[in-house]
Amino acid sequence: MNPASAAGGAEGALGVCGIRERCAAGTLTALVASEACLARVDAVDAQVQAWAHLDRGLVLAQARAVDARLDRGPLHGVPVGVKDIIDTADMPTENGTVLHAGRRPQRDAEVVARLREAGAVIFGKTVTTELATYAPGKTRNPHDPAHTPGGSSSGSAAAVAAGMVPAAIGTQTNGSVIRPAAFCGVVGYKPGFGLIPRDGILRQSPTLDQAGVFARSVEDAARLAAVLIGGEAGGQLIGAAADAAAPKLAWIRTAAWPRAAEDTRAAFEGLARRLALRELVMPEAAAGAWDWQRTVMEAEIAENFAGEWEQGRDRLSASLCAQIERGRALAPQAVAAARARIGEVNAGFDPLFDRVDALVTPAVPGTAPRGLDSTGDPVFCTLWTFAGLPAITLPRSAAPTGCRWACSWWRAAATMPD
């Protein structure tokens, strides 16, 4: 089999499910799939720059070891990129900052251990923004290198969009899975809060930190997320992805609606008309979610990055220093009050989810912005991340400067913070 047709890059290339099925059937090997992905990296990564660490020898050694296994796990032979804030025992995890240069974890994060157990090949570490905040890394949008890929899971989204791997994992504390998935033109899925374990993942804001996945199809994203979730909930996700029953959908203009580009607003209004979607009104209880999310996030960033602040603030970006300074200035009572609003926001959505299965709303204000000094506006993700609701990006249309995508948010299988 021609490696280029086996995985990565080529039009119609195999995704997660296709690679696993062919490996299980004996018509493809993990080694051939990994070699195809490496060939794609050689072809495009000089422009995209999605990788913080990639060891060709280690990739091939892993693939040979997977091929030697007698068991065939749910991700057998699938190359997966891992965001460089997620610990890997055999690769550095530098968290996108010079302050952690050369950091070598002693053990895998739980999600990485689950990937390995399922038969995945841990392909490499994908670029993150600085400590998964707002200062961009080196990655460029695969559709146009003059535009941002989004962040903070920049490399994960770009690597999948460019065909370098069929899937990758990332994290979201505001819009760090959904936004780069939308800008890069791939499926991004963030399950409900707490469903994917965070052991061995950089602690930025534990009240808000959530893990997610990138793939080129909903089925592939579901397969990957199911492995990370594990247990009965993971099995339910696979069943839901395969369910042909049409969900009951509605659309909603959140308080972020005025920030959407004019053509984004027109497109969603047209979509709602074509699909005869009912428009629901955002609950009043959610009106302050953007302020509350920022309060919680910046207070916890200040707490969790106190060591970096004390030891090396002169090597942190201006944007991160500003976040830490604002977080340090917050009164503990204000932070506690903001955390307490999470339950109220969720209660406000209960009547809506009694009527529909999912809400449709923009994932991003518009196409990926031009320039590499910003990762774009996460405003359309903030509410849903604060509430801990699951979210998935779904394709709408492509544009020369990135992709504009629809986004569905739903309550099913979500677990909320205490």
Protein backbone atom coordinates (compact mmCIF):
# COMPACT_ATOMS: atom_id res chain seq x y z
CA MET A 1 0.00 0.00 0.00
CA ASN A 2 1.23 3.51 -0.80
CA PRO A 3 1.86 5.17 2.58
CA ALA A 4 0.48 8.48 1.34
CA SER A 5 -2.88 6.82 0.81
CA ALA A 6 -2.78 5.10 4.18
CA ALA A 7 -2.75 8.09 6.47
CA GLY A 8 -2.15 11.80 6.64
CA GLY A 9 -2.12 14.44 3.98
CA ALA A 10 -3.61 12.89 0.88
CA GLU A 11 -7.18 13.69 -0.04
CA GLY A 12 -9.45 11.00 1.34
CA ALA A 13 -6.76 9.89 3.81
CA LEU A 14 -7.71 7.46 6.52
CA GLY A 15 -8.76 8.82 9.87
CA VAL A 16 -8.83 7.30 13.33
CA CYS A 17 -11.48 4.70 12.64
CA GLY A 18 -10.10 3.78 9.22
CA ILE A 19 -6.55 3.22 10.46
CA ARG A 20 -7.69 1.17 13.41
CA GLU A 21 -10.00 -0.99 11.30
CA ARG A 22 -7.33 -1.71 8.69
CA CYS A 23 -4.71 -2.43 11.32
CA ALA A 24 -7.12 -4.83 13.03
CA ALA A 25 -7.84 -6.50 9.69
CA GLY A 26 -4.14 -6.85 8.90
CA THR A 27 -4.26 -4.72 5.75
CA LEU A 28 -2.29 -1.86 7.31
CA THR A 29 0.39 -1.64 9.98
CA ALA A 30 1.06 1.02 12.59
CA LEU A 31 4.51 1.38 11.05
CA VAL A 32 3.16 2.22 7.59
CA ALA A 33 0.59 4.63 9.05
CA SER A 34 3.28 6.38 11.09
CA GLU A 35 5.68 6.55 8.14
CA ALA A 36 2.95 8.19 6.08
CA CYS A 37 2.39 10.79 8.77
CA LEU A 38 6.13 11.47 9.01
CA ALA A 39 6.25 11.96 5.24
CA ARG A 40 3.45 14.50 5.53
CA VAL A 41 5.33 16.30 8.30
CA ASP A 42 8.36 16.50 6.05
CA ALA A 43 6.21 17.97 3.31
CA VAL A 44 4.32 20.68 5.19
CA ASP A 45 5.57 21.37 8.70
CA ALA A 46 8.26 23.82 7.69
CA GLN A 47 5.39 26.15 6.87
CA VAL A 48 2.86 25.13 9.55
CA GLN A 49 5.28 24.58 12.47
CA ALA A 50 2.89 22.50 14.54
CA TRP A 51 5.43 20.48 16.55
CA ALA A 52 7.28 21.40 19.72
CA HIS A 53 8.97 17.98 19.81
CA LEU A 54 8.98 15.16 17.28
CA ASP A 55 11.46 12.26 17.45
CA ARG A 56 11.27 10.20 14.27
CA GLY A 57 13.11 7.25 15.80
CA LEU A 58 10.80 7.15 18.80
CA VAL A 59 7.72 7.29 16.55
CA LEU A 60 8.89 4.31 14.51
CA ALA A 61 9.94 2.35 17.61
CA GLN A 62 6.49 2.86 19.11
CA ALA A 63 4.83 1.79 15.88
CA ARG A 64 6.87 -1.41 15.70
CA ALA A 65 5.97 -2.17 19.32
CA VAL A 66 2.27 -1.63 18.57
CA ASP A 67 2.51 -3.96 15.56
CA ALA A 68 4.04 -6.63 17.80
CA ARG A 69 1.10 -6.54 20.22
CA LEU A 70 -1.34 -9.41 20.08
CA ASP A 71 -4.24 -7.32 21.34
CA ARG A 72 -5.95 -4.81 19.07
CA GLY A 73 -7.11 -1.85 21.15
CA PRO A 74 -9.66 0.77 20.07
CA LEU A 75 -6.88 3.06 18.74
CA HIS A 76 -4.53 0.37 17.48
CA GLY A 77 -1.97 1.91 15.15
CA VAL A 78 -3.39 5.45 15.25
CA PRO A 79 -0.81 8.28 15.42
CA VAL A 80 -1.94 10.95 17.90
CA GLY A 81 -0.43 14.37 18.64
CA VAL A 82 -0.29 15.52 22.27
CA LYS A 83 -0.37 19.16 23.37
CA ASP A 84 2.86 20.18 25.06
CA ILE A 85 1.25 20.85 28.44
CA ILE A 86 0.38 17.14 28.82
CA ASP A 87 3.08 15.02 30.43
CA THR A 88 4.88 12.31 28.46
CA ALA A 89 7.52 10.16 30.14
CA ASP A 90 9.55 9.62 26.96
CA MET A 91 9.40 13.17 25.58
CA PRO A 92 9.91 16.65 27.05
CA THR A 93 6.90 18.65 28.22
CA GLU A 94 7.90 22.31 28.24
CA ASN A 95 4.49 24.02 28.55
CA GLY A 96 5.26 26.63 25.93
CA THR A 97 7.61 28.63 28.16
CA VAL A 98 11.37 29.07 28.35
CA LEU A 99 11.02 28.73 32.11
CA HIS A 100 10.28 25.01 31.64
CA ALA A 101 12.82 24.35 28.88
CA GLY A 102 14.21 20.83 29.12
CA ARG A 103 11.50 19.66 31.55
CA ARG A 104 11.24 15.84 31.48
CA PRO A 105 8.27 14.34 33.36
CA GLN A 106 8.87 11.02 35.10
CA ARG A 107 5.50 9.59 34.14
CA ASP A 108 2.76 9.91 31.55
CA ALA A 109 -0.36 11.94 32.14
CA GLU A 110 -3.39 9.71 32.61
CA VAL A 111 -4.72 10.58 29.16
CA VAL A 112 -1.41 9.58 27.55
CA ALA A 113 -1.41 6.30 29.48
CA ARG A 114 -4.92 5.61 28.16
CA LEU A 115 -3.85 6.36 24.60
CA ARG A 116 -0.91 3.96 24.85
CA GLU A 117 -3.05 1.24 26.39
CA ALA A 118 -5.53 1.63 23.52
CA GLY A 119 -2.75 1.06 20.97
CA ALA A 120 -2.12 4.63 19.83
CA VAL A 121 1.29 5.86 18.71
CA ILE A 122 2.19 9.03 20.62
CA PHE A 123 3.49 10.90 17.60
CA GLY A 124 4.95 14.00 19.24
CA LYS A 125 4.27 17.12 21.29
CA THR A 126 2.25 19.86 19.60
CA VAL A 127 2.88 23.55 20.08
CA THR A 128 0.97 25.35 22.81
CA THR A 129 0.81 29.03 23.58
CA GLU A 130 2.77 30.23 26.63
CA LEU A 131 1.54 28.18 29.61
CA ALA A 132 -1.66 27.65 27.59
CA THR A 133 -2.63 31.31 27.86
CA TYR A 134 -2.71 34.01 25.17
CA ALA A 135 0.87 34.61 23.96
CA PRO A 136 1.14 32.73 20.62
CA GLY A 137 3.66 30.05 19.76
CA LYS A 138 5.25 29.49 16.35
CA THR A 139 2.36 27.63 14.69
CA ARG A 140 0.64 29.06 11.62
CA ASN A 141 -2.76 28.40 10.09
CA PRO A 142 -2.48 25.56 7.53
CA HIS A 143 -4.95 27.34 5.23
CA ASP A 144 -2.87 30.50 5.10
CA PRO A 145 0.34 30.95 7.10
CA ALA A 146 -0.32 34.68 7.46
CA HIS A 147 -3.27 33.90 9.75
CA THR A 148 -3.49 32.58 13.29
CA PRO A 149 -4.36 28.92 13.91
CA GLY A 150 -6.04 29.92 17.18
CA GLY A 151 -4.92 28.79 20.60
CA SER A 152 -3.93 27.65 23.01
CA SER A 153 -4.01 24.18 21.39
CA SER A 154 -2.52 25.69 18.24
CA GLY A 155 -0.29 22.80 17.15
CA SER A 156 -2.88 20.10 17.81
CA ALA A 157 -5.48 21.74 15.58
CA ALA A 158 -2.99 22.64 12.85
CA ALA A 159 -1.35 19.20 12.78
CA VAL A 160 -4.70 17.51 12.20
CA ALA A 161 -5.86 20.11 9.68
CA ALA A 162 -2.62 19.75 7.70
CA GLY A 163 -2.92 15.95 7.59
CA MET A 164 0.16 15.33 9.70
CA VAL A 165 -1.78 13.14 12.14
CA PRO A 166 -5.37 11.91 12.06
CA ALA A 167 -6.03 13.09 15.62
CA ALA A 168 -4.61 15.08 18.51
CA ILE A 169 -5.51 16.06 22.05
CA GLY A 170 -5.59 19.49 23.67
CA THR A 171 -7.12 21.47 26.51
CA GLN A 172 -9.56 24.31 27.01
CA THR A 173 -9.87 26.84 29.82
CA ASN A 174 -11.67 29.45 27.74
CA GLY A 175 -11.70 28.63 24.02
CA SER A 176 -8.55 26.60 23.50
CA VAL A 177 -10.05 23.55 21.75
CA ILE A 178 -13.08 24.99 20.00
CA ARG A 179 -11.42 28.15 18.65
CA PRO A 180 -8.37 26.55 16.99
CA ALA A 181 -10.52 23.72 15.64
CA ALA A 182 -12.79 26.31 14.05
CA PHE A 183 -9.96 28.42 12.63
CA CYS A 184 -8.08 25.40 11.28
CA GLY A 185 -11.09 23.58 9.85
CA VAL A 186 -11.29 20.37 11.88
CA VAL A 187 -13.72 18.80 14.33
CA GLY A 188 -12.98 19.86 17.89
CA TYR A 189 -14.78 18.18 20.77
CA LYS A 190 -14.69 19.07 24.45
CA PRO A 191 -16.69 16.70 26.66
CA GLY A 192 -18.38 17.88 29.83
CA PHE A 193 -16.28 19.14 32.70
CA GLY A 194 -14.37 16.39 34.48
CA LEU A 195 -15.14 13.55 32.08
CA ILE A 196 -11.53 13.38 30.82
CA PRO A 197 -9.00 13.06 33.66
CA ARG A 198 -6.54 15.92 34.10
CA ASP A 199 -3.81 14.15 36.08
CA GLY A 200 -0.45 15.10 34.56
CA ILE A 201 -1.82 18.13 32.68
CA LEU A 202 -0.62 21.66 33.45
CA ARG A 203 -2.77 23.24 36.16
CA GLN A 204 -3.85 26.63 34.94
CA SER A 205 -7.38 27.09 36.33
CA PRO A 206 -8.65 23.85 37.91
CA THR A 207 -12.22 25.16 38.12
CA LEU A 208 -12.25 25.60 34.33
CA ASP A 209 -9.50 23.40 32.82
CA GLN A 210 -10.94 20.75 30.50
CA ALA A 211 -9.41 18.38 27.95
CA GLY A 212 -10.59 17.80 24.40
CA VAL A 213 -9.79 16.22 21.05
CA PHE A 214 -9.22 17.13 17.40
CA ALA A 215 -10.03 14.92 14.41
CA ARG A 216 -11.29 15.17 10.85
CA SER A 217 -14.69 13.61 11.47
CA VAL A 218 -17.23 13.37 14.27
CA GLU A 219 -16.83 9.58 14.37
CA ASP A 220 -13.07 9.88 14.77
CA ALA A 221 -13.41 12.49 17.51
CA ALA A 222 -15.89 10.27 19.34
CA ARG A 223 -13.58 7.25 19.17
CA LEU A 224 -10.66 9.23 20.56
CA ALA A 225 -12.68 10.93 23.28
CA ALA A 226 -14.27 7.65 24.33
CA VAL A 227 -10.84 6.19 25.07
CA LEU A 228 -9.88 9.24 27.13
CA ILE A 229 -13.17 9.22 29.05
CA GLY A 230 -13.19 5.47 29.58
CA GLY A 231 -15.80 3.29 31.25
CA GLU A 232 -19.52 3.43 30.64
CA ALA A 233 -19.52 7.13 29.71
CA GLY A 234 -16.99 6.49 26.95
CA GLY A 235 -19.10 3.66 25.57
CA GLN A 236 -22.17 5.87 25.60
CA LEU A 237 -20.33 8.46 23.54
CA ILE A 238 -19.58 5.93 20.79
CA GLY A 239 -23.22 4.89 20.79
CA ALA A 240 -24.38 8.50 20.56
CA ALA A 241 -22.07 9.19 17.61
CA ALA A 242 -23.47 6.20 15.76
CA ASP A 243 -27.11 7.05 16.52
CA ALA A 244 -28.89 8.04 13.32
CA ALA A 245 -31.79 9.70 15.16
CA ALA A 246 -31.98 13.41 14.39
CA PRO A 247 -31.46 15.53 17.51
CA LYS A 248 -33.81 18.34 18.43
CA LEU A 249 -31.86 21.54 17.76
CA ALA A 250 -32.38 25.20 18.51
CA TRP A 251 -30.17 28.19 18.03
CA ILE A 252 -29.28 30.97 20.41
CA ARG A 253 -27.79 34.47 20.25
CA THR A 254 -25.72 34.82 23.38
CA ALA A 255 -24.50 38.12 24.79
CA ALA A 256 -21.47 37.68 22.50
CA TRP A 257 -23.63 38.00 19.36
CA PRO A 258 -22.65 41.64 18.60
CA ARG A 259 -18.98 40.51 18.43
CA ALA A 260 -19.72 38.25 15.44
CA ALA A 261 -18.77 39.46 11.98
CA GLU A 262 -21.67 40.66 9.86
CA ASP A 263 -21.38 37.71 7.48
CA THR A 264 -21.29 35.29 10.43
CA ARG A 265 -24.53 36.71 11.80
CA ALA A 266 -26.17 36.58 8.36
CA ALA A 267 -25.00 33.01 7.80
CA PHE A 268 -26.43 31.78 11.09
CA GLU A 269 -29.71 33.51 10.57
CA GLY A 270 -29.89 31.88 7.13
CA LEU A 271 -28.99 28.49 8.58
CA ALA A 272 -31.72 28.82 11.18
CA ARG A 273 -34.28 29.59 8.47
CA ARG A 274 -33.21 26.71 6.22
CA LEU A 275 -33.28 24.17 9.04
CA ALA A 276 -36.36 25.70 10.67
CA LEU A 277 -34.47 25.99 13.94
CA ARG A 278 -36.33 27.47 16.85
CA GLU A 279 -34.57 30.46 18.40
CA LEU A 280 -34.28 30.33 22.18
CA VAL A 281 -33.38 33.20 24.48
CA MET A 282 -30.24 33.09 26.60
CA PRO A 283 -31.10 32.72 30.29
CA GLU A 284 -30.72 35.86 32.37
CA ALA A 285 -28.67 33.85 34.87
CA ALA A 286 -25.90 33.54 32.27
CA ALA A 287 -25.53 37.24 31.49
CA GLY A 288 -22.50 37.73 33.71
CA ALA A 289 -20.67 34.53 32.73
CA TRP A 290 -17.95 36.33 30.74
CA ASP A 291 -16.93 38.44 33.74
CA TRP A 292 -17.19 35.51 36.16
CA GLN A 293 -15.08 33.28 33.92
CA ARG A 294 -12.35 35.89 33.72
CA THR A 295 -12.40 36.39 37.49
CA VAL A 296 -12.03 32.69 38.22
CA MET A 297 -9.48 32.06 35.48
CA GLU A 298 -7.18 34.96 36.34
CA ALA A 299 -7.31 34.34 40.08
CA GLU A 300 -6.37 30.71 39.56
CA ILE A 301 -3.69 31.54 36.98
CA ALA A 302 -2.13 33.87 39.55
CA GLU A 303 -2.20 31.11 42.15
CA ASN A 304 -0.94 28.28 39.97
CA PHE A 305 1.77 30.28 38.18
CA ALA A 306 3.02 31.98 41.33
CA GLY A 307 6.35 30.15 41.05
CA GLU A 308 6.91 31.31 37.48
CA TRP A 309 5.94 34.84 38.50
CA GLU A 310 8.34 34.94 41.42
CA GLN A 311 11.28 33.31 39.66
CA GLY A 312 11.04 34.54 36.08
CA ARG A 313 8.44 37.23 35.45
CA ASP A 314 10.94 39.05 33.23
CA ARG A 315 10.72 36.09 30.84
CA LEU A 316 6.92 35.93 30.79
CA SER A 317 4.87 37.72 28.12
CA ALA A 318 3.25 41.05 28.85
CA SER A 319 -0.20 39.50 28.44
CA LEU A 320 0.47 36.76 31.00
CA CYS A 321 2.02 39.20 33.45
CA ALA A 322 -1.08 41.37 33.15
CA GLN A 323 -3.34 38.37 33.83
CA ILE A 324 -1.32 37.40 36.90
CA GLU A 325 -1.31 40.96 38.22
CA ARG A 326 -5.08 41.23 37.81
CA GLY A 327 -5.56 37.83 39.45
CA ARG A 328 -3.36 38.75 42.41
CA ALA A 329 -5.44 41.89 42.96
CA LEU A 330 -8.77 40.04 43.17
CA ALA A 331 -10.46 39.72 46.56
CA PRO A 332 -10.99 36.08 47.64
CA GLN A 333 -14.67 36.82 48.24
CA ALA A 334 -15.12 37.97 44.65
CA VAL A 335 -13.47 34.82 43.32
CA ALA A 336 -15.60 32.56 45.52
CA ALA A 337 -18.74 34.39 44.41
CA ALA A 338 -17.81 33.95 40.75
CA ARG A 339 -17.21 30.20 41.23
CA ALA A 340 -20.59 29.89 42.90
CA ARG A 341 -22.26 31.24 39.76
CA ILE A 342 -21.43 28.09 37.79
CA GLY A 343 -24.32 26.20 39.35
CA GLU A 344 -26.69 29.12 38.80
CA VAL A 345 -25.77 29.35 35.12
CA ASN A 346 -26.39 25.65 34.63
CA ALA A 347 -29.73 25.86 36.40
CA GLY A 348 -30.67 28.68 34.06
CA PHE A 349 -30.11 26.43 31.05
CA ASP A 350 -32.16 23.54 32.42
CA PRO A 351 -35.47 24.74 30.88
CA LEU A 352 -33.82 25.06 27.47
CA PHE A 353 -32.37 21.55 27.57
CA ASP A 354 -35.75 20.21 28.63
CA ARG A 355 -36.98 21.33 25.18
CA VAL A 356 -34.04 20.54 22.89
CA ASP A 357 -31.02 18.26 22.72
CA ALA A 358 -28.49 20.83 21.57
CA LEU A 359 -27.96 24.53 20.95
CA VAL A 360 -26.31 25.86 17.79
CA THR A 361 -24.33 29.07 17.91
CA PRO A 362 -21.13 30.44 16.33
CA ALA A 363 -17.87 28.94 17.58
CA VAL A 364 -15.83 32.03 16.64
CA PRO A 365 -16.65 35.55 15.50
CA GLY A 366 -15.49 34.87 11.94
CA THR A 367 -12.63 33.43 9.93
CA ALA A 368 -9.14 33.20 11.43
CA PRO A 369 -7.77 36.74 11.87
CA ARG A 370 -4.79 37.85 9.87
CA GLY A 371 -1.58 38.16 11.85
CA LEU A 372 0.33 35.98 14.30
CA ASP A 373 0.44 38.23 17.36
CA SER A 374 -2.92 36.99 18.65
CA THR A 375 -4.82 33.71 18.73
CA GLY A 376 -8.21 35.32 18.12
CA ASP A 377 -11.22 36.08 20.25
CA PRO A 378 -12.56 33.22 22.45
CA VAL A 379 -15.74 35.10 23.33
CA PHE A 380 -18.12 32.57 21.75
CA CYS A 381 -16.62 29.77 23.84
CA THR A 382 -16.46 31.48 27.23
CA LEU A 383 -20.01 30.86 28.43
CA TRP A 384 -19.97 27.16 27.65
CA THR A 385 -16.57 26.56 29.18
CA PHE A 386 -17.60 28.40 32.35
CA ALA A 387 -20.70 26.22 32.58
CA GLY A 388 -18.69 23.03 31.89
CA LEU A 389 -20.97 22.02 29.02
CA PRO A 390 -19.81 19.68 26.24
CA ALA A 391 -19.11 21.34 22.90
CA ILE A 392 -18.33 20.25 19.37
CA THR A 393 -17.42 22.21 16.25
CA LEU A 394 -19.16 21.17 13.06
CA PRO A 395 -18.20 22.33 9.55
CA ARG A 396 -20.16 24.94 7.72
CA SER A 397 -17.96 26.42 4.97
CA ALA A 398 -14.35 27.03 4.06
CA ALA A 399 -12.69 30.35 3.37
CA PRO A 400 -9.23 31.17 2.00
CA THR A 401 -8.17 32.55 5.40
CA GLY A 402 -9.35 29.65 7.51
CA CYS A 403 -12.73 28.15 8.15
CA ARG A 404 -15.96 29.35 9.66
CA TRP A 405 -17.74 26.67 11.60
CA ALA A 406 -20.97 26.13 13.40
CA CYS A 407 -20.82 24.92 16.96
CA SER A 408 -23.27 22.82 18.95
CA TRP A 409 -23.40 22.75 22.72
CA TRP A 410 -25.40 20.25 24.68
CA ARG A 411 -26.04 19.07 28.21
CA ALA A 412 -25.93 15.30 27.66
CA ALA A 413 -23.30 13.49 29.77
CA ALA A 414 -21.92 16.72 31.23
CA THR A 415 -20.66 16.71 34.79
CA MET A 416 -20.42 19.93 36.69
CA PRO A 417 -17.77 21.17 39.15
CA ASP A 418 -18.67 20.98 42.81
